[in-house]
Amino acid sequence: MTDSGGDEARSGLAVELVAALDAMDGAWEGWNAADDRTRELYATWVAQARRTALRRDRALTAAYHATQGTLRHAVQGADGTEVAGVIADVVGAGLAGKLFRMLANLIN
């Protein structure tokens, strides 16, 4: 498995996300190619899951999209409009819980 996530890339990421990115070929490359806001969105989404199993599932989802090069596109609405910027703004406004439930529904 490919590991191009150096110490700096791994810093602050949930253990489950690091493990998922390590486990999938090309995941670190896709992760590093994504913009900062998209990576931050996924990292927060994974980390905020209370149950370990849910963190693991979210991490695998993020790693899968990283390998496919679709991290940013996976957070688009059904009508094709980008919601990544809106999500980041709402997180900053303190509505993270509701927003991440919405993101989970968009991804699933």
N, C-alpha and C. Protein backbone atom coordinates (compact mmCIF):
# COMPACT_ATOMS: atom_id res chain seq x y z
N MET A 1 0.84 -1.18 0.00
CA MET A 1 0.00 0.00 0.00
C MET A 1 0.89 1.24 0.00
N THR A 2 0.41 2.27 -0.64
CA THR A 2 1.20 3.49 -0.79
C THR A 2 1.03 4.38 0.41
N ASP A 3 2.14 4.90 0.90
CA ASP A 3 2.10 5.83 2.02
C ASP A 3 2.89 7.06 1.65
N SER A 4 2.18 8.06 1.10
CA SER A 4 2.85 9.32 0.83
C SER A 4 2.39 10.38 1.80
N GLY A 5 1.77 9.96 2.87
CA GLY A 5 1.38 10.91 3.89
C GLY A 5 2.50 11.02 4.89
N GLY A 6 3.28 12.09 4.78
CA GLY A 6 4.36 12.30 5.74
C GLY A 6 3.79 12.69 7.09
N ASP A 7 4.67 12.93 8.03
CA ASP A 7 4.23 13.30 9.38
C ASP A 7 3.35 14.53 9.37
N GLU A 8 3.67 15.49 8.52
CA GLU A 8 2.87 16.72 8.45
C GLU A 8 1.46 16.43 7.94
N ALA A 9 1.34 15.56 6.93
CA ALA A 9 0.03 15.22 6.37
C ALA A 9 -0.81 14.44 7.38
N ARG A 10 -0.17 13.62 8.20
CA ARG A 10 -0.88 12.79 9.17
C ARG A 10 -1.28 13.57 10.42
N SER A 11 -0.58 14.64 10.69
CA SER A 11 -0.79 15.41 11.91
C SER A 11 -2.23 15.90 12.00
N GLY A 12 -2.87 15.61 13.10
CA GLY A 12 -4.22 16.08 13.35
C GLY A 12 -5.31 15.22 12.75
N LEU A 13 -4.96 14.18 12.02
CA LEU A 13 -5.97 13.31 11.43
C LEU A 13 -6.32 12.19 12.40
N ALA A 14 -7.57 11.77 12.35
CA ALA A 14 -8.02 10.65 13.17
C ALA A 14 -7.22 9.40 12.79
N VAL A 15 -6.95 8.58 13.77
CA VAL A 15 -6.19 7.34 13.55
C VAL A 15 -6.87 6.50 12.47
N GLU A 16 -8.19 6.45 12.49
CA GLU A 16 -8.92 5.65 11.52
C GLU A 16 -8.74 6.16 10.09
N LEU A 17 -8.66 7.49 9.95
CA LEU A 17 -8.47 8.07 8.62
C LEU A 17 -7.07 7.77 8.10
N VAL A 18 -6.07 7.91 8.95
CA VAL A 18 -4.70 7.59 8.56
C VAL A 18 -4.61 6.13 8.14
N ALA A 19 -5.22 5.23 8.92
CA ALA A 19 -5.17 3.81 8.60
C ALA A 19 -5.86 3.52 7.27
N ALA A 20 -6.99 4.16 7.02
CA ALA A 20 -7.71 3.93 5.76
C ALA A 20 -6.91 4.46 4.57
N LEU A 21 -6.29 5.62 4.73
CA LEU A 21 -5.48 6.17 3.65
C LEU A 21 -4.24 5.30 3.39
N ASP A 22 -3.67 4.75 4.46
CA ASP A 22 -2.52 3.85 4.32
C ASP A 22 -2.91 2.56 3.60
N ALA A 23 -4.13 2.10 3.84
CA ALA A 23 -4.56 0.79 3.35
C ALA A 23 -4.91 0.77 1.86
N MET A 24 -5.19 1.91 1.27
CA MET A 24 -5.65 1.93 -0.12
C MET A 24 -4.59 2.57 -1.01
N ASP A 25 -4.22 1.83 -2.06
CA ASP A 25 -3.25 2.34 -3.02
C ASP A 25 -3.75 3.63 -3.65
N GLY A 26 -2.91 4.64 -3.64
CA GLY A 26 -3.24 5.92 -4.26
C GLY A 26 -4.06 6.85 -3.40
N ALA A 27 -4.45 6.42 -2.22
CA ALA A 27 -5.31 7.26 -1.38
C ALA A 27 -4.58 8.51 -0.90
N TRP A 28 -3.33 8.36 -0.47
CA TRP A 28 -2.60 9.54 0.00
C TRP A 28 -2.38 10.54 -1.13
N GLU A 29 -2.14 10.04 -2.34
CA GLU A 29 -1.96 10.95 -3.47
C GLU A 29 -3.23 11.74 -3.73
N GLY A 30 -4.36 11.05 -3.71
CA GLY A 30 -5.65 11.72 -3.90
C GLY A 30 -5.97 12.68 -2.77
N TRP A 31 -5.64 12.28 -1.55
CA TRP A 31 -5.86 13.12 -0.37
C TRP A 31 -5.03 14.40 -0.49
N ASN A 32 -3.76 14.25 -0.82
CA ASN A 32 -2.87 15.40 -0.92
C ASN A 32 -3.22 16.30 -2.10
N ALA A 33 -3.85 15.75 -3.13
CA ALA A 33 -4.24 16.53 -4.30
C ALA A 33 -5.49 17.38 -4.05
N ALA A 34 -6.27 17.03 -3.04
CA ALA A 34 -7.50 17.77 -2.73
C ALA A 34 -7.15 19.11 -2.10
N ASP A 35 -8.05 20.07 -2.24
CA ASP A 35 -7.82 21.39 -1.64
C ASP A 35 -7.94 21.31 -0.12
N ASP A 36 -7.39 22.30 0.55
CA ASP A 36 -7.35 22.32 2.02
C ASP A 36 -8.73 22.22 2.65
N ARG A 37 -9.70 22.96 2.11
CA ARG A 37 -11.05 22.96 2.71
C ARG A 37 -11.70 21.58 2.59
N THR A 38 -11.49 20.91 1.48
CA THR A 38 -12.08 19.58 1.31
C THR A 38 -11.45 18.60 2.28
N ARG A 39 -10.11 18.63 2.40
CA ARG A 39 -9.45 17.74 3.36
C ARG A 39 -9.92 18.03 4.78
N GLU A 40 -10.02 19.30 5.13
CA GLU A 40 -10.47 19.68 6.47
C GLU A 40 -11.89 19.19 6.73
N LEU A 41 -12.74 19.31 5.74
CA LEU A 41 -14.12 18.85 5.86
C LEU A 41 -14.17 17.35 6.15
N TYR A 42 -13.46 16.56 5.37
CA TYR A 42 -13.46 15.12 5.58
C TYR A 42 -12.81 14.75 6.91
N ALA A 43 -11.69 15.39 7.24
CA ALA A 43 -11.00 15.08 8.50
C ALA A 43 -11.92 15.34 9.69
N THR A 44 -12.64 16.45 9.64
CA THR A 44 -13.56 16.79 10.73
C THR A 44 -14.73 15.82 10.77
N TRP A 45 -15.26 15.49 9.60
CA TRP A 45 -16.40 14.56 9.50
C TRP A 45 -16.04 13.21 10.11
N VAL A 46 -14.85 12.72 9.80
CA VAL A 46 -14.40 11.43 10.35
C VAL A 46 -14.20 11.56 11.86
N ALA A 47 -13.50 12.57 12.29
CA ALA A 47 -13.13 12.72 13.70
C ALA A 47 -14.32 12.93 14.61
N GLN A 48 -15.39 13.54 14.11
CA GLN A 48 -16.52 13.85 14.98
C GLN A 48 -17.45 12.67 15.23
N ALA A 49 -17.25 11.57 14.56
CA ALA A 49 -18.07 10.39 14.83
C ALA A 49 -17.72 9.86 16.22
N ARG A 50 -18.72 9.62 17.02
CA ARG A 50 -18.47 9.17 18.40
C ARG A 50 -18.07 7.71 18.48
N ARG A 51 -18.68 6.89 17.64
CA ARG A 51 -18.39 5.46 17.68
C ARG A 51 -17.21 5.13 16.76
N THR A 52 -16.36 4.26 17.24
CA THR A 52 -15.18 3.85 16.48
C THR A 52 -15.58 3.25 15.13
N ALA A 53 -16.61 2.43 15.13
CA ALA A 53 -17.04 1.79 13.88
C ALA A 53 -17.49 2.84 12.85
N LEU A 54 -18.17 3.87 13.30
CA LEU A 54 -18.62 4.92 12.39
C LEU A 54 -17.43 5.72 11.88
N ARG A 55 -16.46 6.03 12.77
CA ARG A 55 -15.24 6.71 12.32
C ARG A 55 -14.53 5.88 11.26
N ARG A 56 -14.47 4.57 11.48
CA ARG A 56 -13.81 3.68 10.52
C ARG A 56 -14.55 3.68 9.18
N ASP A 57 -15.88 3.61 9.21
CA ASP A 57 -16.68 3.63 7.98
C ASP A 57 -16.49 4.95 7.23
N ARG A 58 -16.53 6.05 7.96
CA ARG A 58 -16.33 7.35 7.32
C ARG A 58 -14.94 7.48 6.74
N ALA A 59 -13.96 6.97 7.46
CA ALA A 59 -12.57 7.02 6.98
C ALA A 59 -12.42 6.21 5.70
N LEU A 60 -13.05 5.04 5.65
CA LEU A 60 -12.99 4.22 4.44
C LEU A 60 -13.67 4.93 3.27
N THR A 61 -14.77 5.62 3.54
CA THR A 61 -15.46 6.39 2.50
C THR A 61 -14.55 7.49 1.96
N ALA A 62 -13.91 8.21 2.88
CA ALA A 62 -13.00 9.29 2.47
C ALA A 62 -11.83 8.73 1.68
N ALA A 63 -11.24 7.64 2.14
CA ALA A 63 -10.10 7.03 1.44
C ALA A 63 -10.51 6.54 0.06
N TYR A 64 -11.69 5.96 -0.05
CA TYR A 64 -12.17 5.50 -1.35
C TYR A 64 -12.27 6.67 -2.33
N HIS A 65 -12.90 7.75 -1.88
CA HIS A 65 -13.03 8.92 -2.75
C HIS A 65 -11.66 9.52 -3.09
N ALA A 66 -10.73 9.44 -2.16
CA ALA A 66 -9.37 9.92 -2.44
C ALA A 66 -8.72 9.09 -3.54
N THR A 67 -8.89 7.77 -3.49
CA THR A 67 -8.29 6.92 -4.53
C THR A 67 -8.92 7.17 -5.88
N GLN A 68 -10.19 7.55 -5.90
CA GLN A 68 -10.90 7.79 -7.16
C GLN A 68 -10.71 9.22 -7.66
N GLY A 69 -10.12 10.07 -6.81
CA GLY A 69 -9.96 11.48 -7.17
C GLY A 69 -11.27 12.25 -7.11
N THR A 70 -12.20 11.78 -6.28
CA THR A 70 -13.53 12.38 -6.23
C THR A 70 -13.86 12.99 -4.87
N LEU A 71 -12.86 13.29 -4.06
CA LEU A 71 -13.14 13.86 -2.74
C LEU A 71 -14.02 15.10 -2.84
N ARG A 72 -13.63 16.03 -3.65
CA ARG A 72 -14.38 17.29 -3.74
C ARG A 72 -15.76 17.07 -4.35
N HIS A 73 -15.83 16.21 -5.35
CA HIS A 73 -17.10 15.99 -6.04
C HIS A 73 -18.08 15.19 -5.19
N ALA A 74 -17.57 14.46 -4.21
CA ALA A 74 -18.44 13.66 -3.35
C ALA A 74 -19.24 14.53 -2.39
N VAL A 75 -18.88 15.81 -2.27
CA VAL A 75 -19.64 16.71 -1.40
C VAL A 75 -20.43 17.71 -2.23
N GLN A 76 -20.91 17.27 -3.38
CA GLN A 76 -21.78 18.11 -4.20
C GLN A 76 -23.22 17.69 -3.97
N GLY A 77 -24.11 18.64 -4.11
CA GLY A 77 -25.53 18.36 -3.97
C GLY A 77 -26.06 17.58 -5.15
N ALA A 78 -27.27 17.06 -5.01
CA ALA A 78 -27.88 16.26 -6.06
C ALA A 78 -28.06 17.06 -7.34
N ASP A 79 -28.21 18.39 -7.23
CA ASP A 79 -28.39 19.21 -8.43
C ASP A 79 -27.08 19.60 -9.06
N GLY A 80 -25.96 19.11 -8.51
CA GLY A 80 -24.66 19.35 -9.10
C GLY A 80 -23.97 20.60 -8.60
N THR A 81 -24.60 21.37 -7.74
CA THR A 81 -23.94 22.58 -7.23
C THR A 81 -22.98 22.19 -6.12
N GLU A 82 -21.88 22.89 -6.05
CA GLU A 82 -20.89 22.57 -5.03
C GLU A 82 -21.33 23.09 -3.68
N VAL A 83 -21.23 22.22 -2.68
CA VAL A 83 -21.60 22.61 -1.33
C VAL A 83 -20.41 22.63 -0.39
N ALA A 84 -19.22 22.29 -0.89
CA ALA A 84 -18.06 22.24 -0.01
C ALA A 84 -17.81 23.59 0.66
N GLY A 85 -17.90 24.68 -0.08
CA GLY A 85 -17.69 26.01 0.50
C GLY A 85 -18.74 26.35 1.52
N VAL A 86 -19.99 26.01 1.23
CA VAL A 86 -21.09 26.26 2.16
C VAL A 86 -20.88 25.45 3.43
N ILE A 87 -20.48 24.20 3.27
CA ILE A 87 -20.25 23.34 4.43
C ILE A 87 -19.16 23.94 5.32
N ALA A 88 -18.07 24.36 4.73
CA ALA A 88 -16.99 24.94 5.52
C ALA A 88 -17.45 26.19 6.26
N ASP A 89 -18.26 27.02 5.60
CA ASP A 89 -18.76 28.23 6.25
C ASP A 89 -19.70 27.90 7.40
N VAL A 90 -20.56 26.92 7.21
CA VAL A 90 -21.51 26.56 8.27
C VAL A 90 -20.77 25.96 9.46
N VAL A 91 -19.75 25.14 9.18
CA VAL A 91 -18.95 24.57 10.28
C VAL A 91 -18.37 25.70 11.11
N GLY A 92 -17.88 26.72 10.43
CA GLY A 92 -17.32 27.87 11.13
C GLY A 92 -18.35 28.60 11.96
N ALA A 93 -19.60 28.51 11.57
CA ALA A 93 -20.67 29.19 12.29
C ALA A 93 -21.21 28.36 13.45
N GLY A 94 -20.71 27.16 13.64
CA GLY A 94 -21.10 26.37 14.79
C GLY A 94 -22.23 25.40 14.57
N LEU A 95 -22.59 25.12 13.35
CA LEU A 95 -23.68 24.18 13.08
C LEU A 95 -23.12 22.85 12.58
N ALA A 96 -21.98 22.45 13.12
CA ALA A 96 -21.26 21.28 12.63
C ALA A 96 -22.08 20.00 12.71
N GLY A 97 -22.76 19.75 13.80
CA GLY A 97 -23.51 18.50 13.96
C GLY A 97 -24.54 18.30 12.86
N LYS A 98 -25.36 19.31 12.66
CA LYS A 98 -26.40 19.22 11.63
C LYS A 98 -25.77 19.10 10.24
N LEU A 99 -24.73 19.82 10.01
CA LEU A 99 -24.07 19.82 8.72
C LEU A 99 -23.45 18.47 8.40
N PHE A 100 -22.82 17.84 9.37
CA PHE A 100 -22.19 16.56 9.10
C PHE A 100 -23.22 15.46 8.91
N ARG A 101 -24.38 15.57 9.54
CA ARG A 101 -25.45 14.62 9.23
C ARG A 101 -25.89 14.80 7.79
N MET A 102 -25.96 16.06 7.33
CA MET A 102 -26.32 16.33 5.95
C MET A 102 -25.26 15.76 5.01
N LEU A 103 -23.98 15.94 5.34
CA LEU A 103 -22.91 15.42 4.53
C LEU A 103 -22.97 13.89 4.47
N ALA A 104 -23.24 13.27 5.60
CA ALA A 104 -23.35 11.81 5.62
C ALA A 104 -24.46 11.34 4.68
N ASN A 105 -25.55 12.05 4.67
CA ASN A 105 -26.64 11.69 3.77
C ASN A 105 -26.26 11.91 2.32
N LEU A 106 -25.49 12.94 2.02
CA LEU A 106 -25.05 13.20 0.65
C LEU A 106 -24.09 12.11 0.17
N ILE A 107 -23.20 11.69 1.05
CA ILE A 107 -22.21 10.69 0.66
C ILE A 107 -22.85 9.32 0.53
N ASN A 108 -23.74 9.01 1.44
CA ASN A 108 -24.39 7.69 1.37
C ASN A 108 -25.49 7.79 0.38
